[in-house]
Protein backbone atom coordinates (compact mmCIF):
# COMPACT_ATOMS: atom_id res chain seq x y z
CA UNK A 1 0.00 0.00 0.00
CA UNK A 2 2.81 2.42 0.92
CA UNK A 3 4.62 1.62 -2.36
CA UNK A 4 1.46 2.47 -4.40
CA UNK A 5 1.09 5.78 -2.54
CA UNK A 6 4.71 6.70 -3.30
CA UNK A 7 4.30 5.71 -6.97
CA UNK A 8 1.11 7.76 -7.34
CA UNK A 9 2.73 10.78 -5.61
CA UNK A 10 5.75 10.52 -7.91
CA UNK A 11 3.49 10.29 -10.99
CA UNK A 12 1.59 13.41 -9.87
CA UNK A 13 4.84 15.38 -9.43
CA UNK A 14 6.14 14.31 -12.84
CA UNK A 15 2.74 15.09 -14.37
CA UNK A 16 2.77 18.61 -12.95
CA UNK A 17 6.29 19.26 -14.21
CA UNK A 18 5.50 18.01 -17.72
CA UNK A 19 2.30 20.02 -17.90
CA UNK A 20 4.09 23.19 -16.76
CA UNK A 21 6.67 22.62 -19.51
CA UNK A 22 3.98 21.97 -22.13
CA UNK A 23 1.99 25.06 -21.18
CA UNK A 24 4.70 27.51 -22.19
CA UNK A 25 3.09 27.95 -25.62
CA UNK A 26 -0.45 28.45 -24.33
CA UNK A 27 -0.07 32.17 -23.78
CA UNK A 28 0.57 32.63 -27.51
CA UNK A 29 -2.74 31.24 -28.73
CA UNK A 30 -5.99 33.04 -29.30
CA UNK A 31 -8.40 31.87 -26.63
CA UNK A 32 -11.81 31.11 -28.09
CA UNK A 33 -14.76 29.60 -26.30
CA UNK A 34 -17.01 26.89 -27.64
CA UNK A 35 -20.63 26.85 -26.55
CA UNK A 36 -22.28 29.06 -23.99
CA UNK A 37 -20.66 30.91 -21.13
CA UNK A 38 -22.56 28.52 -18.83
CA UNK A 39 -20.05 25.74 -19.53
CA UNK A 40 -18.90 24.28 -16.24
CA UNK A 41 -15.30 23.92 -17.48
CA UNK A 42 -14.41 27.08 -19.40
CA UNK A 43 -11.50 27.94 -21.65
CA UNK A 44 -8.86 26.13 -23.63
CA UNK A 45 -6.87 23.12 -22.41
CA UNK A 46 -4.03 21.13 -23.97
CA UNK A 47 -2.63 17.64 -23.68
CA UNK A 48 0.76 17.20 -22.02
CA UNK A 49 1.95 15.11 -24.96
CA UNK A 50 3.43 16.95 -27.91
CA UNK A 51 3.58 15.74 -31.45
CA UNK A 52 1.34 17.61 -33.87
CA UNK A 53 3.20 19.83 -36.32
CA UNK A 54 1.59 22.76 -38.08
CA UNK A 55 3.84 24.63 -40.54
CA UNK A 56 6.97 23.76 -38.61
CA UNK A 57 5.52 24.57 -35.18
CA UNK A 58 5.35 21.73 -32.68
CA UNK A 59 1.98 21.70 -30.92
CA UNK A 60 0.40 19.57 -28.23
CA UNK A 61 -1.19 16.41 -29.52
CA UNK A 62 -4.53 18.16 -28.99
CA UNK A 63 -6.00 21.39 -27.73
CA UNK A 64 -9.25 20.68 -25.88
CA UNK A 65 -12.46 22.55 -25.12
CA UNK A 66 -15.32 21.34 -22.95
CA UNK A 67 -19.02 21.93 -23.41
CA UNK A 68 -21.54 20.53 -20.97
CA UNK A 69 -22.18 17.58 -23.32
CA UNK A 70 -18.90 16.90 -25.14
CA UNK A 71 -15.13 17.19 -25.10
CA UNK A 72 -13.87 18.74 -28.34
CA UNK A 73 -10.34 17.85 -29.46
CA UNK A 74 -8.60 19.96 -32.09
CA UNK A 75 -5.56 21.91 -33.20
CA UNK A 76 -4.62 25.57 -33.44
CA UNK A 77 -4.49 26.86 -37.02
CA UNK A 78 -3.65 30.50 -37.64
CA UNK A 79 -4.37 31.26 -33.99
CA UNK A 80 -7.87 29.75 -34.07
CA UNK A 81 -9.16 26.48 -32.66
CA UNK A 82 -9.93 23.95 -35.41
CA UNK A 83 -11.97 20.96 -34.10
CA UNK A 84 -10.77 17.50 -35.08
CA UNK A 85 -13.20 15.21 -33.22
CA UNK A 86 -15.30 15.09 -30.08
CA UNK A 87 -16.21 12.61 -27.37
CA UNK A 88 -19.51 12.47 -25.50
CA UNK A 89 -19.62 13.47 -21.84
CA UNK A 90 -21.61 10.88 -19.90
CA UNK A 91 -21.18 12.38 -16.42
CA UNK A 92 -19.97 15.85 -15.39
CA UNK A 93 -19.88 17.11 -11.83
CA UNK A 94 -18.15 19.75 -9.77
CA UNK A 95 -17.08 17.82 -6.67
CA UNK A 96 -15.75 20.96 -4.92
CA UNK A 97 -15.34 24.57 -6.09
CA UNK A 98 -13.20 24.41 -9.25
CA UNK A 99 -12.69 20.62 -8.96
CA UNK A 100 -14.34 18.58 -11.72
CA UNK A 101 -14.95 14.94 -12.54
CA UNK A 102 -15.68 14.26 -16.22
CA UNK A 103 -16.54 10.79 -17.48
CA UNK A 104 -16.58 10.50 -21.26
CA UNK A 105 -17.04 7.95 -24.00
CA UNK A 106 -15.13 8.02 -27.29
CA UNK A 107 -16.70 7.23 -30.66
CA UNK A 108 -15.30 3.69 -30.47
CA UNK A 109 -16.84 3.13 -27.02
CA UNK A 110 -13.74 3.63 -24.84
CA UNK A 111 -14.50 5.01 -21.37
CA UNK A 112 -12.22 7.50 -19.63
CA UNK A 113 -12.20 10.07 -16.82
CA UNK A 114 -10.67 13.51 -16.34
CA UNK A 115 -10.24 14.62 -12.73
CA UNK A 116 -9.09 18.08 -11.72
CA UNK A 117 -5.94 17.85 -9.65
CA UNK A 118 -6.93 18.97 -6.14
CA UNK A 119 -3.60 20.72 -5.56
CA UNK A 120 -3.66 22.58 -8.91
CA UNK A 121 -6.98 23.20 -10.66
CA UNK A 122 -5.11 24.07 -13.88
CA UNK A 123 -4.39 20.35 -14.35
CA UNK A 124 -6.89 17.64 -15.27
CA UNK A 125 -5.52 14.13 -14.85
CA UNK A 126 -6.53 11.43 -17.35
CA UNK A 127 -7.56 7.90 -16.37
CA UNK A 128 -8.46 5.31 -19.02
CA UNK A 129 -11.47 4.03 -17.06
CA UNK A 130 -14.56 5.12 -15.15
CA UNK A 131 -13.67 2.83 -12.23
CA UNK A 132 -11.80 4.65 -9.45
CA UNK A 133 -10.33 1.34 -8.29
CA UNK A 134 -8.49 1.12 -11.63
CA UNK A 135 -7.20 4.72 -11.62
CA UNK A 136 -3.62 3.89 -10.53
CA UNK A 137 -3.20 1.40 -13.39
CA UNK A 138 -4.84 3.55 -16.09
CA UNK A 139 -3.33 6.98 -15.39
CA UNK A 140 -1.76 8.64 -18.45
CA UNK A 141 0.48 11.65 -18.10
CA UNK A 142 0.49 12.35 -21.85
CA UNK A 143 -3.31 12.44 -22.10
CA UNK A 144 -3.66 14.63 -19.01
CA UNK A 145 -4.58 18.27 -19.63
CA UNK A 146 -3.23 21.64 -18.61
CA UNK A 147 -5.21 24.88 -18.75
CA UNK A 148 -4.19 27.51 -21.30
CA UNK A 149 -6.15 30.22 -19.46
């Protein structure tokens, strides 16, 4: 049990460092909102993983926007958000002020969860399951999100 706690703590520290590094380009993008201002999770987010190239500029794998019913994945083109695909939000709740739990389903039926990091609400950690018991085994640092706001 103690070993799992240490591993999870280490993963969270590494996740925070990678997201801080990845967010350096966020201040250069035009922030556009999708949907109404009543969205529970406002603004632009980006994956920690890099790897999309647009005219010689390395970008995050995806920029992400939330509506109250879907997660929209896309890229920045000429300073504007260009949607690529979206996943359906099955469950969305604010568990504490500024702390969110989002359970989504991809087009191919894969289930996953984003949880706001309680120590830094500019980070949403990705888990490849809806089951909290499986979170330690399904955590992905590259698919986790950092806020661009």
